[in-house]
Amino acid sequence: MQTAPLSNRNLRDEIRDYWSDRAATFDDDPGHRISDGAEMSAWAALFRRHLGPPEGRRLLDLASGTGEIARLCQGMGFVVTGLDWSEPMLERARGKLPEVTFLQADAERTMQPEASTDVIVTRHLVWTLVDPAAAFAEWLRILAPGGRLLVVDGDFVTKSWAARLLGGLRRAPVNGQRTRHQRILSQVHFSGGARADQVADMLEAAGFTDLRVDTNLGPVHRAQARQFGWQKALLRRSEHRYAISARKPAPS
């Protein structure tokens, strides 16, 4: 009787490889690329609302992908470092921003020194986390006392009223990757959708304070709608998308 060969691969490896395979065309999707002009300005306004003035603060862009959020934050005046698990994504980020340091590491296990950054930002990362409680504890560890966290994410699983109205139309991952996407999604922590209240509760349990949940992403969505067809623009506006900011307590 033959036994199946042993493998050291795990879910995190699958996630890394999935996004690596999407890297070559990732910026072709306006939902990932940030267009100069109105959309860039809308994102910058959202970040300023939650993070305050850059003032040369150190910022770590977790799951930086092809570097679009890093590009935004560098343009705002932060001192940016990017971190991603996918080397093909990082290759594209380094090509855009050769002056920015990009590191390869798992966002749940950053390997960064304690209290080494003033700001952490993530966009569309939390919904993919295998162990968000451990990730949030790690992010708290590497933030300096008084440092700020900004999470931009959403529930990309629950069908919105617009998705039901349009017969369940959803964004399909490119290059025939829907099956891989669904297999990974079924195994992550937020397999039923990352709701803002759940994420905020877990951040608070990890030790973050001054939590603020912001669902006013309308200016970003309106700017993006100029590049989308009407169906995708309607879906984007109807989904449960949000920003959550929080602070690491400073010693009294």
C-alpha atoms as a PDB file:
ATOM      1  CA  MET A   1       0.000   0.000   0.000  1.00  0.00           C
ATOM      2  CA  GLN A   2       1.441   3.331  -1.059  1.00  0.00           C
ATOM      3  CA  THR A   3       1.279   6.292   1.280  1.00  0.00           C
ATOM      4  CA  ALA A   4       0.891   9.875   0.173  1.00  0.00           C
ATOM      5  CA  PRO A   5       4.167  11.804   0.106  1.00  0.00           C
ATOM      6  CA  LEU A   6       4.740  14.114   3.042  1.00  0.00           C
ATOM      7  CA  SER A   7       4.534  17.835   2.351  1.00  0.00           C
ATOM      8  CA  ASN A   8       5.606  20.876   4.313  1.00  0.00           C
ATOM      9  CA  ARG A   9       3.182  23.097   2.410  1.00  0.00           C
ATOM     10  CA  ASN A  10       0.492  24.801   4.423  1.00  0.00           C
ATOM     11  CA  LEU A  11      -2.280  27.319   3.893  1.00  0.00           C
ATOM     12  CA  ARG A  12       0.102  30.264   4.140  1.00  0.00           C
ATOM     13  CA  ASP A  13       2.162  28.804   1.295  1.00  0.00           C
ATOM     14  CA  GLU A  14      -0.976  28.469  -0.809  1.00  0.00           C
ATOM     15  CA  ILE A  15      -1.913  32.073  -0.109  1.00  0.00           C
ATOM     16  CA  ARG A  16       1.584  33.303  -1.023  1.00  0.00           C
ATOM     17  CA  ASP A  17       1.610  31.299  -4.280  1.00  0.00           C
ATOM     18  CA  TYR A  18      -1.900  32.402  -5.239  1.00  0.00           C
ATOM     19  CA  TRP A  19      -1.020  36.099  -4.998  1.00  0.00           C
ATOM     20  CA  SER A  20       2.344  35.489  -6.657  1.00  0.00           C
ATOM     21  CA  ASP A  21       0.564  34.020  -9.662  1.00  0.00           C
ATOM     22  CA  ARG A  22      -1.654  37.105  -9.861  1.00  0.00           C
ATOM     23  CA  ALA A  23       1.185  39.622  -9.613  1.00  0.00           C
ATOM     24  CA  ALA A  24       1.804  40.045 -13.352  1.00  0.00           C
ATOM     25  CA  THR A  25      -1.715  41.383 -14.001  1.00  0.00           C
ATOM     26  CA  PHE A  26      -2.585  42.767 -10.571  1.00  0.00           C
ATOM     27  CA  ASP A  27      -2.245  46.416 -11.575  1.00  0.00           C
ATOM     28  CA  ASP A  28      -4.547  45.871 -14.558  1.00  0.00           C
ATOM     29  CA  ASP A  29      -7.494  45.910 -12.130  1.00  0.00           C
ATOM     30  CA  PRO A  30      -8.547  49.462 -11.219  1.00  0.00           C
ATOM     31  CA  GLY A  31      -9.700  48.137  -7.844  1.00  0.00           C
ATOM     32  CA  HIS A  32      -6.062  47.484  -6.941  1.00  0.00           C
ATOM     33  CA  ARG A  33      -4.249  50.185  -8.887  1.00  0.00           C
ATOM     34  CA  ILE A  34      -4.731  53.713  -7.531  1.00  0.00           C
ATOM     35  CA  SER A  35      -5.148  56.213 -10.344  1.00  0.00           C
ATOM     36  CA  ASP A  36      -3.458  59.574 -10.068  1.00  0.00           C
ATOM     37  CA  GLY A  37      -5.787  62.491  -9.578  1.00  0.00           C
ATOM     38  CA  ALA A  38      -9.177  62.125  -7.927  1.00  0.00           C
ATOM     39  CA  GLU A  39      -8.693  58.593  -6.597  1.00  0.00           C
ATOM     40  CA  MET A  40      -5.238  59.266  -5.153  1.00  0.00           C
ATOM     41  CA  SER A  41      -6.597  62.418  -3.495  1.00  0.00           C
ATOM     42  CA  ALA A  42      -9.544  60.498  -2.022  1.00  0.00           C
ATOM     43  CA  TRP A  43      -7.266  57.842  -0.537  1.00  0.00           C
ATOM     44  CA  ALA A  44      -4.929  60.504   0.864  1.00  0.00           C
ATOM     45  CA  ALA A  45      -7.854  62.281   2.532  1.00  0.00           C
ATOM     46  CA  LEU A  46      -8.967  59.016   4.152  1.00  0.00           C
ATOM     47  CA  PHE A  47      -5.466  58.314   5.446  1.00  0.00           C
ATOM     48  CA  ARG A  48      -5.013  61.849   6.804  1.00  0.00           C
ATOM     49  CA  ARG A  49      -8.359  61.601   8.574  1.00  0.00           C
ATOM     50  CA  HIS A  50      -7.176  58.576  10.532  1.00  0.00           C
ATOM     51  CA  LEU A  51      -3.413  59.010  10.751  1.00  0.00           C
ATOM     52  CA  GLY A  52      -2.944  62.761  10.982  1.00  0.00           C
ATOM     53  CA  PRO A  53      -0.032  64.587   9.356  1.00  0.00           C
ATOM     54  CA  PRO A  54       2.876  62.400   8.185  1.00  0.00           C
ATOM     55  CA  GLU A  55       5.632  64.551   9.758  1.00  0.00           C
ATOM     56  CA  GLY A  56       8.271  62.067   8.579  1.00  0.00           C
ATOM     57  CA  ARG A  57       6.851  59.219  10.672  1.00  0.00           C
ATOM     58  CA  ARG A  58       7.981  55.658   9.918  1.00  0.00           C
ATOM     59  CA  LEU A  59       5.225  53.719   8.172  1.00  0.00           C
ATOM     60  CA  LEU A  60       5.039  49.986   7.467  1.00  0.00           C
ATOM     61  CA  ASP A  61       2.753  48.956   4.615  1.00  0.00           C
ATOM     62  CA  LEU A  62       1.768  45.362   5.334  1.00  0.00           C
ATOM     63  CA  ALA A  63       0.854  43.118   2.378  1.00  0.00           C
ATOM     64  CA  SER A  64       2.048  45.933   0.136  1.00  0.00           C
ATOM     65  CA  GLY A  65       1.528  43.957  -3.070  1.00  0.00           C
ATOM     66  CA  THR A  66       2.675  45.953  -6.076  1.00  0.00           C
ATOM     67  CA  GLY A  67       3.274  49.031  -3.917  1.00  0.00           C
ATOM     68  CA  GLU A  68       0.229  51.183  -4.571  1.00  0.00           C
ATOM     69  CA  ILE A  69      -0.405  52.050  -0.906  1.00  0.00           C
ATOM     70  CA  ALA A  70       3.334  52.527  -0.396  1.00  0.00           C
ATOM     71  CA  ARG A  71       3.298  54.965  -3.325  1.00  0.00           C
ATOM     72  CA  LEU A  72       0.371  56.835  -1.770  1.00  0.00           C
ATOM     73  CA  CYS A  73       1.997  57.059   1.662  1.00  0.00           C
ATOM     74  CA  GLN A  74       5.390  58.079   0.339  1.00  0.00           C
ATOM     75  CA  GLY A  75       3.731  60.855  -1.625  1.00  0.00           C
ATOM     76  CA  MET A  76       2.027  62.024   1.552  1.00  0.00           C
ATOM     77  CA  GLY A  77       5.377  62.350   3.344  1.00  0.00           C
ATOM     78  CA  PHE A  78       5.689  59.177   5.417  1.00  0.00           C
ATOM     79  CA  VAL A  79       8.990  57.281   5.563  1.00  0.00           C
ATOM     80  CA  VAL A  80       7.741  54.053   4.027  1.00  0.00           C
ATOM     81  CA  THR A  81       8.784  50.422   4.267  1.00  0.00           C
ATOM     82  CA  GLY A  82       6.736  47.779   2.444  1.00  0.00           C
ATOM     83  CA  LEU A  83       6.356  44.141   3.419  1.00  0.00           C
ATOM     84  CA  ASP A  84       4.784  41.326   1.436  1.00  0.00           C
ATOM     85  CA  TRP A  85       4.882  37.512   1.378  1.00  0.00           C
ATOM     86  CA  SER A  86       5.029  37.354  -2.442  1.00  0.00           C
ATOM     87  CA  GLU A  87       8.349  38.035  -4.168  1.00  0.00           C
ATOM     88  CA  PRO A  88       6.726  38.600  -7.609  1.00  0.00           C
ATOM     89  CA  MET A  89       4.547  41.306  -6.055  1.00  0.00           C
ATOM     90  CA  LEU A  90       7.613  42.875  -4.459  1.00  0.00           C
ATOM     91  CA  GLU A  91       9.485  42.884  -7.774  1.00  0.00           C
ATOM     92  CA  ARG A  92       6.800  45.139  -9.216  1.00  0.00           C
ATOM     93  CA  ALA A  93       6.727  47.337  -6.136  1.00  0.00           C
ATOM     94  CA  ARG A  94      10.502  47.816  -6.259  1.00  0.00           C
ATOM     95  CA  GLY A  95      10.247  48.731  -9.937  1.00  0.00           C
ATOM     96  CA  LYS A  96       7.801  51.534  -9.090  1.00  0.00           C
ATOM     97  CA  LEU A  97       9.561  52.780  -5.969  1.00  0.00           C
ATOM     98  CA  PRO A  98      13.281  51.932  -6.080  1.00  0.00           C
ATOM     99  CA  GLU A  99      13.948  54.307  -3.189  1.00  0.00           C
ATOM    100  CA  VAL A 100      11.577  52.430  -0.833  1.00  0.00           C
ATOM    101  CA  THR A 101      12.711  49.365   1.130  1.00  0.00           C
ATOM    102  CA  PHE A 102      10.499  46.334   0.454  1.00  0.00           C
ATOM    103  CA  LEU A 103      10.877  43.232   2.609  1.00  0.00           C
ATOM    104  CA  GLN A 104       9.643  39.700   2.042  1.00  0.00           C
ATOM    105  CA  ALA A 105       7.870  38.295   5.082  1.00  0.00           C
ATOM    106  CA  ASP A 106       4.517  37.019   6.271  1.00  0.00           C
ATOM    107  CA  ALA A 107       2.329  39.850   7.591  1.00  0.00           C
ATOM    108  CA  GLU A 108       1.332  37.578  10.475  1.00  0.00           C
ATOM    109  CA  ARG A 109       5.004  36.997  11.374  1.00  0.00           C
ATOM    110  CA  THR A 110       6.798  40.155  10.293  1.00  0.00           C
ATOM    111  CA  MET A 111      10.199  39.447  11.904  1.00  0.00           C
ATOM    112  CA  GLN A 112      10.480  43.203  12.572  1.00  0.00           C
ATOM    113  CA  PRO A 113      11.982  44.590  15.790  1.00  0.00           C
ATOM    114  CA  GLU A 114       9.740  45.583  18.667  1.00  0.00           C
ATOM    115  CA  ALA A 115       8.454  49.183  18.541  1.00  0.00           C
ATOM    116  CA  SER A 116      10.174  49.697  15.179  1.00  0.00           C
ATOM    117  CA  THR A 117       7.481  51.667  13.322  1.00  0.00           C
ATOM    118  CA  ASP A 118       5.170  54.595  14.065  1.00  0.00           C
ATOM    119  CA  VAL A 119       2.353  53.650  11.696  1.00  0.00           C
ATOM    120  CA  ILE A 120       1.061  50.399  10.207  1.00  0.00           C
ATOM    121  CA  VAL A 121      -1.343  50.384   7.274  1.00  0.00           C
ATOM    122  CA  THR A 122      -2.997  47.483   5.493  1.00  0.00           C
ATOM    123  CA  ARG A 123      -5.405  47.381   2.568  1.00  0.00           C
ATOM    124  CA  HIS A 124      -7.389  44.222   1.829  1.00  0.00           C
ATOM    125  CA  LEU A 125      -5.221  42.006   4.028  1.00  0.00           C
ATOM    126  CA  VAL A 126      -7.304  41.209   7.115  1.00  0.00           C
ATOM    127  CA  TRP A 127      -9.898  39.145   5.268  1.00  0.00           C
ATOM    128  CA  THR A 128      -7.122  36.731   4.175  1.00  0.00           C
ATOM    129  CA  LEU A 129      -5.526  36.209   7.612  1.00  0.00           C
ATOM    130  CA  VAL A 130      -5.147  32.657   8.872  1.00  0.00           C
ATOM    131  CA  ASP A 131      -4.747  33.712  12.524  1.00  0.00           C
ATOM    132  CA  PRO A 132      -5.863  37.339  12.966  1.00  0.00           C
ATOM    133  CA  ALA A 133      -5.506  37.275  16.763  1.00  0.00           C
ATOM    134  CA  ALA A 134      -1.821  36.387  16.418  1.00  0.00           C
ATOM    135  CA  ALA A 135      -1.386  38.924  13.601  1.00  0.00           C
ATOM    136  CA  PHE A 136      -2.914  41.753  15.640  1.00  0.00           C
ATOM    137  CA  ALA A 137      -0.698  40.891  18.613  1.00  0.00           C
ATOM    138  CA  GLU A 138       2.311  40.979  16.275  1.00  0.00           C
ATOM    139  CA  TRP A 139       1.306  44.372  14.881  1.00  0.00           C
ATOM    140  CA  LEU A 140       0.905  45.763  18.385  1.00  0.00           C
ATOM    141  CA  ARG A 141       4.391  44.472  19.241  1.00  0.00           C
ATOM    142  CA  ILE A 142       6.139  46.208  16.352  1.00  0.00           C
ATOM    143  CA  LEU A 143       4.320  49.541  16.778  1.00  0.00           C
ATOM    144  CA  ALA A 144       5.987  52.208  18.865  1.00  0.00           C
ATOM    145  CA  PRO A 145       3.982  53.340  21.923  1.00  0.00           C
ATOM    146  CA  GLY A 146       1.339  55.763  20.737  1.00  0.00           C
ATOM    147  CA  GLY A 147       1.672  54.424  17.182  1.00  0.00           C
ATOM    148  CA  ARG A 148      -1.294  54.200  14.839  1.00  0.00           C
ATOM    149  CA  LEU A 149      -2.813  51.321  12.875  1.00  0.00           C
ATOM    150  CA  LEU A 150      -5.092  51.770   9.855  1.00  0.00           C
ATOM    151  CA  VAL A 151      -6.921  48.775   8.373  1.00  0.00           C
ATOM    152  CA  VAL A 152      -8.854  49.157   5.114  1.00  0.00           C
ATOM    153  CA  ASP A 153     -10.877  46.060   4.362  1.00  0.00           C
ATOM    154  CA  GLY A 154     -14.336  44.625   3.772  1.00  0.00           C
ATOM    155  CA  ASP A 155     -16.684  41.681   3.727  1.00  0.00           C
ATOM    156  CA  PHE A 156     -16.086  40.253   0.268  1.00  0.00           C
ATOM    157  CA  VAL A 157     -18.076  37.071   0.937  1.00  0.00           C
ATOM    158  CA  THR A 158     -21.605  38.133   1.918  1.00  0.00           C
ATOM    159  CA  LYS A 159     -23.649  39.076  -1.122  1.00  0.00           C
ATOM    160  CA  SER A 160     -24.760  42.693  -0.994  1.00  0.00           C
ATOM    161  CA  TRP A 161     -28.184  43.894  -2.099  1.00  0.00           C
ATOM    162  CA  ALA A 162     -26.629  44.911  -5.421  1.00  0.00           C
ATOM    163  CA  ALA A 163     -25.086  41.469  -5.944  1.00  0.00           C
ATOM    164  CA  ARG A 164     -28.479  39.862  -5.332  1.00  0.00           C
ATOM    165  CA  LEU A 165     -30.153  42.372  -7.630  1.00  0.00           C
ATOM    166  CA  LEU A 166     -27.668  41.602 -10.385  1.00  0.00           C
ATOM    167  CA  GLY A 167     -28.180  37.867 -10.060  1.00  0.00           C
ATOM    168  CA  GLY A 168     -25.230  37.167  -7.805  1.00  0.00           C
ATOM    169  CA  LEU A 169     -22.657  38.791 -10.073  1.00  0.00           C
ATOM    170  CA  ARG A 170     -19.323  38.956  -8.241  1.00  0.00           C
ATOM    171  CA  ARG A 171     -15.795  39.954  -9.042  1.00  0.00           C
ATOM    172  CA  ALA A 172     -14.063  36.892 -10.515  1.00  0.00           C
ATOM    173  CA  PRO A 173     -10.351  36.407  -9.845  1.00  0.00           C
ATOM    174  CA  VAL A 174      -8.381  36.652 -13.050  1.00  0.00           C
ATOM    175  CA  ASN A 175      -6.619  33.891 -14.971  1.00  0.00           C
ATOM    176  CA  GLY A 176      -9.141  31.188 -14.084  1.00  0.00           C
ATOM    177  CA  GLN A 177      -8.159  31.245 -10.415  1.00  0.00           C
ATOM    178  CA  ARG A 178     -11.682  31.128  -8.967  1.00  0.00           C
ATOM    179  CA  THR A 179     -11.318  27.546  -7.689  1.00  0.00           C
ATOM    180  CA  ARG A 180      -8.033  28.282  -5.904  1.00  0.00           C
ATOM    181  CA  HIS A 181      -9.504  31.475  -4.484  1.00  0.00           C
ATOM    182  CA  GLN A 182     -12.532  29.657  -3.082  1.00  0.00           C
ATOM    183  CA  ARG A 183     -10.403  26.853  -1.635  1.00  0.00           C
ATOM    184  CA  ILE A 184      -8.221  29.347   0.212  1.00  0.00           C
ATOM    185  CA  LEU A 185     -11.172  31.458   1.327  1.00  0.00           C
ATOM    186  CA  SER A 186     -12.874  28.422   2.863  1.00  0.00           C
ATOM    187  CA  GLN A 187      -9.885  27.913   5.192  1.00  0.00           C
ATOM    188  CA  VAL A 188      -9.066  31.427   6.434  1.00  0.00           C
ATOM    189  CA  HIS A 189     -10.434  32.790   9.711  1.00  0.00           C
ATOM    190  CA  PHE A 190     -12.929  35.165   8.100  1.00  0.00           C
ATOM    191  CA  SER A 191     -14.282  32.582   5.672  1.00  0.00           C
ATOM    192  CA  GLY A 192     -17.777  33.966   6.266  1.00  0.00           C
ATOM    193  CA  GLY A 193     -16.693  37.558   5.613  1.00  0.00           C
ATOM    194  CA  ALA A 194     -14.657  40.054   7.639  1.00  0.00           C
ATOM    195  CA  ARG A 195     -17.204  42.335   9.312  1.00  0.00           C
ATOM    196  CA  ALA A 196     -16.001  45.595  10.806  1.00  0.00           C
ATOM    197  CA  ASP A 197     -17.381  44.913  14.293  1.00  0.00           C
ATOM    198  CA  GLN A 198     -15.643  41.524  14.446  1.00  0.00           C
ATOM    199  CA  VAL A 199     -12.309  42.993  13.363  1.00  0.00           C
ATOM    200  CA  ALA A 200     -12.626  45.902  15.802  1.00  0.00           C
ATOM    201  CA  ASP A 201     -13.437  43.553  18.695  1.00  0.00           C
ATOM    202  CA  MET A 202     -10.356  41.455  17.936  1.00  0.00           C
ATOM    203  CA  LEU A 203      -8.136  44.536  17.716  1.00  0.00           C
ATOM    204  CA  GLU A 204      -9.402  45.701  21.086  1.00  0.00           C
ATOM    205  CA  ALA A 205      -8.789  42.253  22.576  1.00  0.00           C
ATOM    206  CA  ALA A 206      -5.214  42.404  21.260  1.00  0.00           C
ATOM    207  CA  GLY A 207      -4.624  45.622  23.234  1.00  0.00           C
ATOM    208  CA  PHE A 208      -5.361  48.405  20.746  1.00  0.00           C
ATOM    209  CA  THR A 209      -7.260  51.458  21.984  1.00  0.00           C
ATOM    210  CA  ASP A 210      -9.086  54.471  20.509  1.00  0.00           C
ATOM    211  CA  LEU A 211     -10.736  52.327  17.860  1.00  0.00           C
ATOM    212  CA  ARG A 212     -12.654  54.148  15.155  1.00  0.00           C
ATOM    213  CA  VAL A 213     -14.737  52.379  12.504  1.00  0.00           C
ATOM    214  CA  ASP A 214     -15.277  54.446   9.373  1.00  0.00           C
ATOM    215  CA  THR A 215     -17.624  53.321   6.599  1.00  0.00           C
ATOM    216  CA  ASN A 216     -17.466  56.640   4.733  1.00  0.00           C
ATOM    217  CA  LEU A 217     -15.459  55.428   1.749  1.00  0.00           C
ATOM    218  CA  GLY A 218     -17.788  57.155  -0.681  1.00  0.00           C
ATOM    219  CA  PRO A 219     -15.197  59.588  -2.104  1.00  0.00           C
ATOM    220  CA  VAL A 220     -12.886  56.666  -2.956  1.00  0.00           C
ATOM    221  CA  HIS A 221     -15.706  54.688  -4.542  1.00  0.00           C
ATOM    222  CA  ARG A 222     -16.907  57.662  -6.595  1.00  0.00           C
ATOM    223  CA  ALA A 223     -13.393  58.243  -7.910  1.00  0.00           C
ATOM    224  CA  GLN A 224     -13.021  54.550  -8.762  1.00  0.00           C
ATOM    225  CA  ALA A 225     -16.411  54.467 -10.498  1.00  0.00           C
ATOM    226  CA  ARG A 226     -15.002  56.539 -13.347  1.00  0.00           C
ATOM    227  CA  GLN A 227     -12.888  53.530 -14.328  1.00  0.00           C
ATOM    228  CA  PHE A 228     -15.459  50.785 -13.658  1.00  0.00           C
ATOM    229  CA  GLY A 229     -18.456  49.663 -15.628  1.00  0.00           C
ATOM    230  CA  TRP A 230     -21.757  50.543 -13.976  1.00  0.00           C
ATOM    231  CA  GLN A 231     -22.236  47.032 -12.553  1.00  0.00           C
ATOM    232  CA  LYS A 232     -18.883  46.896 -10.783  1.00  0.00           C
ATOM    233  CA  ALA A 233     -19.295  50.464  -9.533  1.00  0.00           C
ATOM    234  CA  LEU A 234     -22.702  49.563  -8.064  1.00  0.00           C
ATOM    235  CA  LEU A 235     -21.310  46.427  -6.431  1.00  0.00           C
ATOM    236  CA  ARG A 236     -18.386  48.355  -4.958  1.00  0.00           C
ATOM    237  CA  ARG A 237     -20.659  50.955  -3.355  1.00  0.00           C
ATOM    238  CA  SER A 238     -23.034  48.336  -1.928  1.00  0.00           C
ATOM    239  CA  GLU A 239     -20.414  46.132  -0.265  1.00  0.00           C
ATOM    240  CA  HIS A 240     -19.510  46.284   3.422  1.00  0.00           C
ATOM    241  CA  ARG A 241     -16.200  48.135   3.121  1.00  0.00           C
ATOM    242  CA  TYR A 242     -14.594  50.101   5.913  1.00  0.00           C
ATOM    243  CA  ALA A 243     -11.526  51.620   7.503  1.00  0.00           C
ATOM    244  CA  ILE A 244     -10.614  50.937  11.135  1.00  0.00           C
ATOM    245  CA  SER A 245      -8.005  53.003  12.940  1.00  0.00           C
ATOM    246  CA  ALA A 246      -6.543  52.238  16.357  1.00  0.00           C
ATOM    247  CA  ARG A 247      -3.673  53.219  18.604  1.00  0.00           C
ATOM    248  CA  LYS A 248      -1.066  51.371  20.654  1.00  0.00           C
ATOM    249  CA  PRO A 249      -1.290  52.728  24.207  1.00  0.00           C
ATOM    250  CA  ALA A 250       1.615  54.856  25.358  1.00  0.00           C
ATOM    251  CA  PRO A 251       3.046  54.399  28.862  1.00  0.00           C
ATOM    252  CA  SER A 252       1.331  56.646  31.410  1.00  0.00           C
END
